[in-house]
Structure formats: C-alpha cells, structure tokens
Amino acid sequence: MEFFKGISRMMGFDEEDDEELLENREENYDEGEEEIEIEPFVSKKQNKIVNIHTASSSKVVISKPSNYDEGKIIVDNLKSRRIVIVNLNGVEPKEGQRILDFLIGAIYALEGGLQPVEKGVFILTPSNIEVSNELKNELTNKGIFSSFK
C-alpha cells in the first residue's frame, strides 16, 4: 500500500489534495441543490388490446348446397373469414359426401376448423375462429339447427 502512495506522490497525486477536492465538490453541490420533480412516464401510444366482441365483426353464412359446384361459394366465404354453417341433409348421400370431402380439403388448406353439429349439419370456421363444445351444445339445444331440416 505504501508503494502506491509513494508512486501517487511522485506523480503529483496527494491524498490530502483529493480530500480537499471532494469537500469543495460537496459544498458546491449543497449550495446549488435544487429540488427537481420527476414525473412518471406516460406513454402516448394506445395499447393494442382490442375487445374481442368489438373486433369480431364476423358474419355467419348459412348454406344448404344442392350440388357440388356450390362448394366453391362456401370456400369463398371461408377465405373471406366468415363462419359457414352447412346443411347437407337435402342432398343425395354420394353428392353430399363429395361436397364434404371438398370442404374438408379446403378447411385443411386454410387451416380452419370443421365441427359436426348434428347429422348432415357442420360448422366451418376460418383459422381465426374457434368453436367450443359449449357453444355448439347451446346452439343445438336451442333448436337453431332444427330449422334446416
């Protein structure tokens, strides 16, 4: 330790000078001391939180296709992010299966969802919509889908 003190004295640094300098700085700081109020930062940006009920202006399309060609209209609605309820009960079984196969392929490509509601009735949803079983059961119990028969 003495070695460092000796070197610092040779270079012109003295502990007493350092102490005087610190005392002078403290005195100057005390004299010029101002009280500064710090205000909390408030962001001017709006949060990107959106209420799901106001954001979802989704339309529900009800479709009862009579032939295979009407499947394209259903897929166009899905591409437009609309929910489609499809009733295949009025179609011949082979034609209904062809339509359903086409819709399943489109749903897969669009990363959407398909939920059976009752025999021949399906809910097709785009990728941004999810149908819970509770909703499906509620809609079935209220008789909404019985009007398709």
N, C-alpha and C. Protein backbone atom coordinates (compact mmCIF):
# COMPACT_ATOMS: atom_id res chain seq x y z
N MET A 1 0.83 -1.18 0.00
CA MET A 1 0.00 0.00 0.00
C MET A 1 0.88 1.26 0.00
N GLU A 2 1.92 1.23 0.79
CA GLU A 2 2.85 2.36 0.84
C GLU A 2 3.49 2.59 -0.53
N PHE A 3 3.70 1.51 -1.25
CA PHE A 3 4.29 1.62 -2.57
C PHE A 3 3.42 2.48 -3.48
N PHE A 4 2.09 2.24 -3.46
CA PHE A 4 1.17 3.01 -4.29
C PHE A 4 1.10 4.46 -3.85
N LYS A 5 1.14 4.70 -2.54
CA LYS A 5 1.11 6.08 -2.04
C LYS A 5 2.35 6.83 -2.52
N GLY A 6 3.51 6.14 -2.47
CA GLY A 6 4.76 6.77 -2.91
C GLY A 6 4.71 7.11 -4.39
N ILE A 7 4.19 6.22 -5.18
CA ILE A 7 4.11 6.47 -6.62
C ILE A 7 3.13 7.60 -6.90
N SER A 8 1.98 7.60 -6.21
CA SER A 8 1.00 8.66 -6.45
C SER A 8 1.55 10.02 -6.02
N ARG A 9 2.38 10.09 -4.95
CA ARG A 9 3.00 11.35 -4.55
C ARG A 9 3.99 11.81 -5.61
N MET A 10 4.75 10.85 -6.20
CA MET A 10 5.74 11.21 -7.21
C MET A 10 5.04 11.75 -8.47
N MET A 11 3.86 11.26 -8.75
CA MET A 11 3.15 11.71 -9.94
C MET A 11 2.35 12.97 -9.67
N GLY A 12 2.33 13.42 -8.44
CA GLY A 12 1.64 14.66 -8.13
C GLY A 12 0.26 14.46 -7.54
N PHE A 13 -0.07 13.25 -7.25
CA PHE A 13 -1.36 12.99 -6.63
C PHE A 13 -1.14 12.82 -5.15
N ASP A 14 -1.84 13.61 -4.41
CA ASP A 14 -1.69 13.54 -2.96
C ASP A 14 -3.07 13.29 -2.37
N GLU A 15 -3.13 12.48 -1.35
CA GLU A 15 -4.41 12.15 -0.72
C GLU A 15 -5.07 13.38 -0.14
N GLU A 16 -4.27 14.28 0.42
CA GLU A 16 -4.84 15.48 1.02
C GLU A 16 -5.51 16.35 -0.06
N ASP A 17 -4.89 16.41 -1.23
CA ASP A 17 -5.48 17.18 -2.32
C ASP A 17 -6.82 16.57 -2.74
N ASP A 18 -6.87 15.26 -2.76
CA ASP A 18 -8.11 14.57 -3.14
C ASP A 18 -9.21 14.86 -2.14
N GLU A 19 -8.88 14.85 -0.84
CA GLU A 19 -9.88 15.11 0.18
C GLU A 19 -10.41 16.54 0.07
N GLU A 20 -9.52 17.51 -0.17
CA GLU A 20 -9.95 18.90 -0.33
C GLU A 20 -10.87 19.05 -1.54
N LEU A 21 -10.52 18.39 -2.61
CA LEU A 21 -11.32 18.46 -3.83
C LEU A 21 -12.72 17.89 -3.59
N LEU A 22 -12.80 16.79 -2.87
CA LEU A 22 -14.10 16.20 -2.56
C LEU A 22 -14.93 17.11 -1.68
N GLU A 23 -14.30 17.74 -0.68
CA GLU A 23 -15.03 18.64 0.21
C GLU A 23 -15.57 19.84 -0.58
N ASN A 24 -14.76 20.39 -1.48
CA ASN A 24 -15.21 21.52 -2.29
C ASN A 24 -16.40 21.13 -3.18
N ARG A 25 -16.33 19.96 -3.75
CA ARG A 25 -17.44 19.50 -4.60
C ARG A 25 -18.71 19.33 -3.78
N GLU A 26 -18.58 18.77 -2.58
CA GLU A 26 -19.76 18.57 -1.73
C GLU A 26 -20.37 19.92 -1.35
N GLU A 27 -19.52 20.91 -1.03
CA GLU A 27 -20.03 22.23 -0.68
C GLU A 27 -20.76 22.86 -1.87
N ASN A 28 -20.15 22.77 -3.03
CA ASN A 28 -20.77 23.33 -4.23
C ASN A 28 -22.09 22.63 -4.54
N TYR A 29 -22.14 21.37 -4.31
CA TYR A 29 -23.35 20.60 -4.58
C TYR A 29 -24.46 21.03 -3.63
N ASP A 30 -24.12 21.20 -2.36
CA ASP A 30 -25.12 21.61 -1.37
C ASP A 30 -25.67 23.00 -1.68
N GLU A 31 -24.82 23.91 -2.13
CA GLU A 31 -25.24 25.28 -2.40
C GLU A 31 -26.17 25.35 -3.61
N GLY A 32 -25.87 24.62 -4.62
CA GLY A 32 -26.65 24.71 -5.86
C GLY A 32 -27.74 23.65 -5.94
N GLU A 33 -28.08 23.09 -4.83
CA GLU A 33 -29.05 21.99 -4.84
C GLU A 33 -30.45 22.51 -5.14
N GLU A 34 -31.06 21.96 -6.15
CA GLU A 34 -32.44 22.27 -6.50
C GLU A 34 -33.25 21.00 -6.38
N GLU A 35 -34.49 21.20 -6.01
CA GLU A 35 -35.36 20.04 -5.94
C GLU A 35 -36.06 19.89 -7.28
N ILE A 36 -35.86 18.76 -7.90
CA ILE A 36 -36.44 18.51 -9.22
C ILE A 36 -37.54 17.47 -9.07
N GLU A 37 -38.71 17.83 -9.59
CA GLU A 37 -39.81 16.87 -9.56
C GLU A 37 -39.69 15.95 -10.76
N ILE A 38 -39.83 14.69 -10.49
CA ILE A 38 -39.77 13.71 -11.56
C ILE A 38 -41.19 13.22 -11.81
N GLU A 39 -41.64 13.42 -13.03
CA GLU A 39 -42.98 12.98 -13.39
C GLU A 39 -42.90 11.58 -13.98
N PRO A 40 -43.85 10.75 -13.66
CA PRO A 40 -43.83 9.40 -14.23
C PRO A 40 -44.06 9.46 -15.74
N PHE A 41 -43.42 8.55 -16.44
CA PHE A 41 -43.54 8.49 -17.89
C PHE A 41 -44.88 7.89 -18.26
N VAL A 42 -45.59 8.59 -19.09
CA VAL A 42 -46.87 8.10 -19.57
C VAL A 42 -46.77 7.96 -21.08
N SER A 43 -46.98 6.77 -21.56
CA SER A 43 -46.88 6.50 -22.99
C SER A 43 -48.05 7.14 -23.73
N LYS A 44 -47.74 7.77 -24.84
CA LYS A 44 -48.77 8.39 -25.66
C LYS A 44 -49.40 7.38 -26.62
N LYS A 45 -48.76 6.21 -26.76
CA LYS A 45 -49.28 5.19 -27.65
C LYS A 45 -50.50 4.53 -27.02
N GLN A 46 -51.38 4.10 -27.86
CA GLN A 46 -52.53 3.35 -27.38
C GLN A 46 -52.15 1.88 -27.34
N ASN A 47 -52.67 1.19 -26.35
CA ASN A 47 -52.42 -0.24 -26.26
C ASN A 47 -53.10 -0.95 -27.42
N LYS A 48 -52.51 -2.06 -27.81
CA LYS A 48 -53.08 -2.81 -28.92
C LYS A 48 -53.99 -3.92 -28.41
N ILE A 49 -54.60 -3.69 -27.28
CA ILE A 49 -55.55 -4.64 -26.74
C ILE A 49 -56.92 -4.28 -27.29
N VAL A 50 -57.52 -5.23 -27.92
CA VAL A 50 -58.80 -4.99 -28.56
C VAL A 50 -59.83 -5.93 -27.94
N ASN A 51 -60.96 -5.40 -27.63
CA ASN A 51 -62.04 -6.21 -27.09
C ASN A 51 -62.51 -7.16 -28.18
N ILE A 52 -62.56 -8.42 -27.86
CA ILE A 52 -62.91 -9.42 -28.88
C ILE A 52 -64.33 -9.24 -29.40
N HIS A 53 -65.21 -8.72 -28.57
CA HIS A 53 -66.59 -8.55 -29.01
C HIS A 53 -66.73 -7.40 -30.01
N THR A 54 -65.91 -6.38 -29.87
CA THR A 54 -65.99 -5.27 -30.82
C THR A 54 -65.19 -5.57 -32.08
N ALA A 55 -64.14 -6.37 -31.94
CA ALA A 55 -63.27 -6.64 -33.08
C ALA A 55 -63.86 -7.67 -34.03
N SER A 56 -64.66 -8.55 -33.50
CA SER A 56 -65.16 -9.61 -34.36
C SER A 56 -66.46 -9.18 -35.03
N SER A 57 -66.30 -8.67 -36.21
CA SER A 57 -67.48 -8.31 -37.00
C SER A 57 -67.74 -9.43 -38.00
N SER A 58 -67.49 -10.65 -37.55
CA SER A 58 -67.65 -11.81 -38.41
C SER A 58 -69.11 -12.04 -38.75
N LYS A 59 -69.30 -12.45 -39.96
CA LYS A 59 -70.64 -12.80 -40.40
C LYS A 59 -70.75 -14.31 -40.40
N VAL A 60 -71.95 -14.78 -40.18
CA VAL A 60 -72.23 -16.21 -40.25
C VAL A 60 -73.08 -16.44 -41.49
N VAL A 61 -72.61 -17.33 -42.34
CA VAL A 61 -73.32 -17.65 -43.57
C VAL A 61 -73.93 -19.04 -43.41
N ILE A 62 -75.20 -19.15 -43.73
CA ILE A 62 -75.88 -20.44 -43.68
C ILE A 62 -76.05 -20.93 -45.11
N SER A 63 -75.58 -22.15 -45.36
CA SER A 63 -75.61 -22.67 -46.72
C SER A 63 -76.26 -24.06 -46.75
N LYS A 64 -77.10 -24.24 -47.73
CA LYS A 64 -77.71 -25.55 -47.97
C LYS A 64 -77.46 -25.88 -49.44
N PRO A 65 -76.24 -26.38 -49.73
CA PRO A 65 -75.88 -26.62 -51.13
C PRO A 65 -76.73 -27.74 -51.74
N SER A 66 -77.01 -27.57 -53.01
CA SER A 66 -77.79 -28.60 -53.71
C SER A 66 -76.92 -29.42 -54.66
N ASN A 67 -75.71 -28.91 -54.96
CA ASN A 67 -74.80 -29.68 -55.81
C ASN A 67 -73.34 -29.35 -55.46
N TYR A 68 -72.45 -30.10 -56.08
CA TYR A 68 -71.02 -29.99 -55.81
C TYR A 68 -70.46 -28.60 -56.13
N ASP A 69 -70.97 -27.96 -57.15
CA ASP A 69 -70.46 -26.65 -57.59
C ASP A 69 -70.66 -25.56 -56.53
N GLU A 70 -71.64 -25.71 -55.69
CA GLU A 70 -71.90 -24.72 -54.65
C GLU A 70 -70.86 -24.78 -53.52
N GLY A 71 -70.04 -25.81 -53.52
CA GLY A 71 -68.96 -25.91 -52.54
C GLY A 71 -67.95 -24.78 -52.68
N LYS A 72 -67.75 -24.31 -53.92
CA LYS A 72 -66.82 -23.20 -54.17
C LYS A 72 -67.29 -21.93 -53.46
N ILE A 73 -68.59 -21.68 -53.46
CA ILE A 73 -69.14 -20.49 -52.80
C ILE A 73 -68.88 -20.57 -51.29
N ILE A 74 -69.04 -21.77 -50.74
CA ILE A 74 -68.78 -21.97 -49.30
C ILE A 74 -67.32 -21.68 -48.99
N VAL A 75 -66.42 -22.19 -49.83
CA VAL A 75 -64.98 -21.97 -49.61
C VAL A 75 -64.63 -20.49 -49.77
N ASP A 76 -65.25 -19.80 -50.70
CA ASP A 76 -65.01 -18.36 -50.86
C ASP A 76 -65.40 -17.60 -49.59
N ASN A 77 -66.49 -18.01 -48.97
CA ASN A 77 -66.89 -17.38 -47.70
C ASN A 77 -65.86 -17.65 -46.61
N LEU A 78 -65.32 -18.86 -46.56
CA LEU A 78 -64.28 -19.17 -45.58
C LEU A 78 -63.02 -18.35 -45.82
N LYS A 79 -62.67 -18.18 -47.10
CA LYS A 79 -61.50 -17.37 -47.43
C LYS A 79 -61.69 -15.91 -47.01
N SER A 80 -62.95 -15.47 -46.96
CA SER A 80 -63.27 -14.11 -46.52
C SER A 80 -63.44 -14.04 -45.01
N ARG A 81 -63.01 -15.08 -44.32
CA ARG A 81 -63.04 -15.16 -42.84
C ARG A 81 -64.46 -15.13 -42.28
N ARG A 82 -65.37 -15.78 -42.96
CA ARG A 82 -66.74 -15.88 -42.47
C ARG A 82 -66.98 -17.30 -41.94
N ILE A 83 -67.80 -17.40 -40.94
CA ILE A 83 -68.22 -18.70 -40.41
C ILE A 83 -69.34 -19.20 -41.31
N VAL A 84 -69.28 -20.47 -41.67
CA VAL A 84 -70.30 -21.04 -42.55
C VAL A 84 -70.93 -22.25 -41.87
N ILE A 85 -72.24 -22.24 -41.82
CA ILE A 85 -72.99 -23.40 -41.34
C ILE A 85 -73.55 -24.09 -42.57
N VAL A 86 -73.18 -25.36 -42.74
CA VAL A 86 -73.55 -26.10 -43.93
C VAL A 86 -74.52 -27.22 -43.55
N ASN A 87 -75.62 -27.29 -44.28
CA ASN A 87 -76.61 -28.35 -44.09
C ASN A 87 -76.62 -29.20 -45.36
N LEU A 88 -76.18 -30.45 -45.24
CA LEU A 88 -76.13 -31.35 -46.39
C LEU A 88 -77.28 -32.35 -46.39
N ASN A 89 -78.28 -32.14 -45.57
CA ASN A 89 -79.37 -33.11 -45.45
C ASN A 89 -80.24 -33.21 -46.70
N GLY A 90 -80.34 -32.17 -47.49
CA GLY A 90 -81.20 -32.21 -48.67
C GLY A 90 -80.52 -32.72 -49.92
N VAL A 91 -79.30 -33.22 -49.80
CA VAL A 91 -78.51 -33.64 -50.96
C VAL A 91 -78.43 -35.17 -50.96
N GLU A 92 -78.32 -35.75 -52.16
CA GLU A 92 -78.09 -37.20 -52.26
C GLU A 92 -76.83 -37.56 -51.47
N PRO A 93 -76.82 -38.73 -50.81
CA PRO A 93 -75.67 -39.10 -49.97
C PRO A 93 -74.31 -39.05 -50.69
N LYS A 94 -74.24 -39.55 -51.94
CA LYS A 94 -72.96 -39.54 -52.66
C LYS A 94 -72.52 -38.10 -52.97
N GLU A 95 -73.47 -37.28 -53.39
CA GLU A 95 -73.16 -35.87 -53.69
C GLU A 95 -72.77 -35.13 -52.41
N GLY A 96 -73.46 -35.41 -51.32
CA GLY A 96 -73.13 -34.80 -50.03
C GLY A 96 -71.74 -35.17 -49.56
N GLN A 97 -71.36 -36.43 -49.79
CA GLN A 97 -70.01 -36.87 -49.40
C GLN A 97 -68.95 -36.17 -50.24
N ARG A 98 -69.21 -35.99 -51.52
CA ARG A 98 -68.27 -35.26 -52.39
C ARG A 98 -68.10 -33.82 -51.92
N ILE A 99 -69.21 -33.17 -51.60
CA ILE A 99 -69.16 -31.78 -51.12
C ILE A 99 -68.38 -31.72 -49.81
N LEU A 100 -68.68 -32.64 -48.91
CA LEU A 100 -67.99 -32.66 -47.61
C LEU A 100 -66.50 -32.90 -47.78
N ASP A 101 -66.12 -33.82 -48.67
CA ASP A 101 -64.69 -34.08 -48.92
C ASP A 101 -64.00 -32.82 -49.46
N PHE A 102 -64.66 -32.13 -50.37
CA PHE A 102 -64.11 -30.89 -50.93
C PHE A 102 -63.93 -29.85 -49.83
N LEU A 103 -64.93 -29.71 -48.97
CA LEU A 103 -64.87 -28.72 -47.88
C LEU A 103 -63.79 -29.07 -46.87
N ILE A 104 -63.63 -30.35 -46.56
CA ILE A 104 -62.59 -30.78 -45.63
C ILE A 104 -61.21 -30.44 -46.19
N GLY A 105 -61.01 -30.65 -47.49
CA GLY A 105 -59.73 -30.30 -48.12
C GLY A 105 -59.47 -28.80 -48.05
N ALA A 106 -60.51 -28.02 -48.29
CA ALA A 106 -60.36 -26.55 -48.23
C ALA A 106 -60.08 -26.09 -46.81
N ILE A 107 -60.77 -26.68 -45.84
CA ILE A 107 -60.55 -26.33 -44.43
C ILE A 107 -59.11 -26.63 -44.04
N TYR A 108 -58.61 -27.77 -44.48
CA TYR A 108 -57.22 -28.14 -44.17
C TYR A 108 -56.25 -27.12 -44.78
N ALA A 109 -56.47 -26.75 -46.03
CA ALA A 109 -55.58 -25.80 -46.71
C ALA A 109 -55.63 -24.42 -46.07
N LEU A 110 -56.81 -24.02 -45.59
CA LEU A 110 -56.98 -22.70 -44.97
C LEU A 110 -56.70 -22.71 -43.47
N GLU A 111 -56.35 -23.89 -42.94
CA GLU A 111 -56.08 -24.07 -41.50
C GLU A 111 -57.28 -23.68 -40.64
N GLY A 112 -58.45 -23.96 -41.15
CA GLY A 112 -59.68 -23.66 -40.42
C GLY A 112 -60.14 -24.84 -39.60
N GLY A 113 -61.42 -24.83 -39.27
CA GLY A 113 -61.97 -25.90 -38.45
C GLY A 113 -63.32 -26.36 -38.96
N LEU A 114 -63.65 -27.61 -38.66
CA LEU A 114 -64.93 -28.17 -39.04
C LEU A 114 -65.49 -28.90 -37.83
N GLN A 115 -66.69 -28.55 -37.43
CA GLN A 115 -67.33 -29.18 -36.28
C GLN A 115 -68.68 -29.74 -36.71
N PRO A 116 -68.91 -31.04 -36.51
CA PRO A 116 -70.25 -31.56 -36.78
C PRO A 116 -71.21 -31.11 -35.68
N VAL A 117 -72.39 -30.69 -36.06
CA VAL A 117 -73.38 -30.25 -35.08
C VAL A 117 -74.39 -31.35 -34.86
N GLU A 118 -74.95 -31.82 -35.94
CA GLU A 118 -75.85 -32.98 -35.92
C GLU A 118 -75.73 -33.63 -37.29
N LYS A 119 -76.48 -34.67 -37.53
CA LYS A 119 -76.32 -35.42 -38.78
C LYS A 119 -76.54 -34.50 -39.99
N GLY A 120 -75.48 -34.38 -40.80
CA GLY A 120 -75.57 -33.59 -42.02
C GLY A 120 -75.38 -32.09 -41.86
N VAL A 121 -75.17 -31.62 -40.63
CA VAL A 121 -75.00 -30.18 -40.38
C VAL A 121 -73.62 -29.95 -39.77
N PHE A 122 -72.87 -29.01 -40.34
CA PHE A 122 -71.49 -28.74 -39.92
C PHE A 122 -71.26 -27.24 -39.77
N ILE A 123 -70.38 -26.89 -38.84
CA ILE A 123 -69.91 -25.51 -38.71
C ILE A 123 -68.50 -25.48 -39.26
N LEU A 124 -68.27 -24.64 -40.25
CA LEU A 124 -66.94 -24.46 -40.84
C LEU A 124 -66.43 -23.10 -40.41
N THR A 125 -65.23 -23.07 -39.87
CA THR A 125 -64.69 -21.82 -39.34
C THR A 125 -63.33 -21.51 -39.96
N PRO A 126 -63.05 -20.24 -40.19
CA PRO A 126 -61.71 -19.85 -40.65
C PRO A 126 -60.70 -20.02 -39.51
N SER A 127 -59.44 -19.80 -39.81
CA SER A 127 -58.37 -20.06 -38.84
C SER A 127 -58.43 -19.15 -37.62
N ASN A 128 -59.07 -18.00 -37.71
CA ASN A 128 -59.11 -17.06 -36.59
C ASN A 128 -60.29 -17.29 -35.65
N ILE A 129 -61.11 -18.30 -35.90
CA ILE A 129 -62.29 -18.58 -35.09
C ILE A 129 -62.19 -20.00 -34.53
N GLU A 130 -62.57 -20.12 -33.26
CA GLU A 130 -62.61 -21.44 -32.64
C GLU A 130 -63.99 -21.65 -32.04
N VAL A 131 -64.56 -22.81 -32.27
CA VAL A 131 -65.89 -23.13 -31.75
C VAL A 131 -65.70 -24.07 -30.56
N SER A 132 -66.24 -23.65 -29.42
CA SER A 132 -66.16 -24.53 -28.25
C SER A 132 -67.35 -25.47 -28.24
N ASN A 133 -67.21 -26.58 -27.56
CA ASN A 133 -68.30 -27.55 -27.47
C ASN A 133 -69.50 -26.97 -26.74
N GLU A 134 -69.24 -26.07 -25.79
CA GLU A 134 -70.34 -25.46 -25.05
C GLU A 134 -71.24 -24.66 -25.99
N LEU A 135 -70.64 -23.90 -26.88
CA LEU A 135 -71.42 -23.12 -27.84
C LEU A 135 -72.19 -24.03 -28.77
N LYS A 136 -71.53 -25.06 -29.24
CA LYS A 136 -72.17 -26.00 -30.15
C LYS A 136 -73.37 -26.66 -29.47
N ASN A 137 -73.20 -27.10 -28.23
CA ASN A 137 -74.30 -27.73 -27.49
C ASN A 137 -75.44 -26.74 -27.25
N GLU A 138 -75.08 -25.51 -26.93
CA GLU A 138 -76.11 -24.49 -26.68
C GLU A 138 -76.93 -24.22 -27.94
N LEU A 139 -76.25 -24.11 -29.07
CA LEU A 139 -76.96 -23.86 -30.32
C LEU A 139 -77.85 -25.03 -30.69
N THR A 140 -77.38 -26.25 -30.46
CA THR A 140 -78.17 -27.43 -30.76
C THR A 140 -79.39 -27.52 -29.85
N ASN A 141 -79.19 -27.26 -28.55
CA ASN A 141 -80.29 -27.35 -27.58
C ASN A 141 -81.36 -26.29 -27.81
N LYS A 142 -80.98 -25.14 -28.31
CA LYS A 142 -81.96 -24.07 -28.54
C LYS A 142 -82.75 -24.28 -29.83
N GLY A 143 -82.40 -25.32 -30.57
CA GLY A 143 -83.16 -25.63 -31.77
C GLY A 143 -82.82 -24.78 -32.97
N ILE A 144 -81.69 -24.12 -32.95
CA ILE A 144 -81.30 -23.26 -34.08
C ILE A 144 -81.09 -24.10 -35.33
N PHE A 145 -80.52 -25.28 -35.16
CA PHE A 145 -80.22 -26.11 -36.33
C PHE A 145 -81.40 -26.97 -36.77
N SER A 146 -82.44 -27.02 -35.98
CA SER A 146 -83.60 -27.82 -36.38
C SER A 146 -84.35 -27.18 -37.54
N SER A 147 -84.12 -25.90 -37.78
CA SER A 147 -84.80 -25.21 -38.88
C SER A 147 -84.26 -25.61 -40.24
N PHE A 148 -83.12 -26.32 -40.26
CA PHE A 148 -82.53 -26.74 -41.53
C PHE A 148 -83.21 -27.98 -42.10
N LYS A 149 -83.95 -28.69 -41.32
CA LYS A 149 -84.48 -29.99 -41.74
C LYS A 149 -85.63 -29.86 -42.69
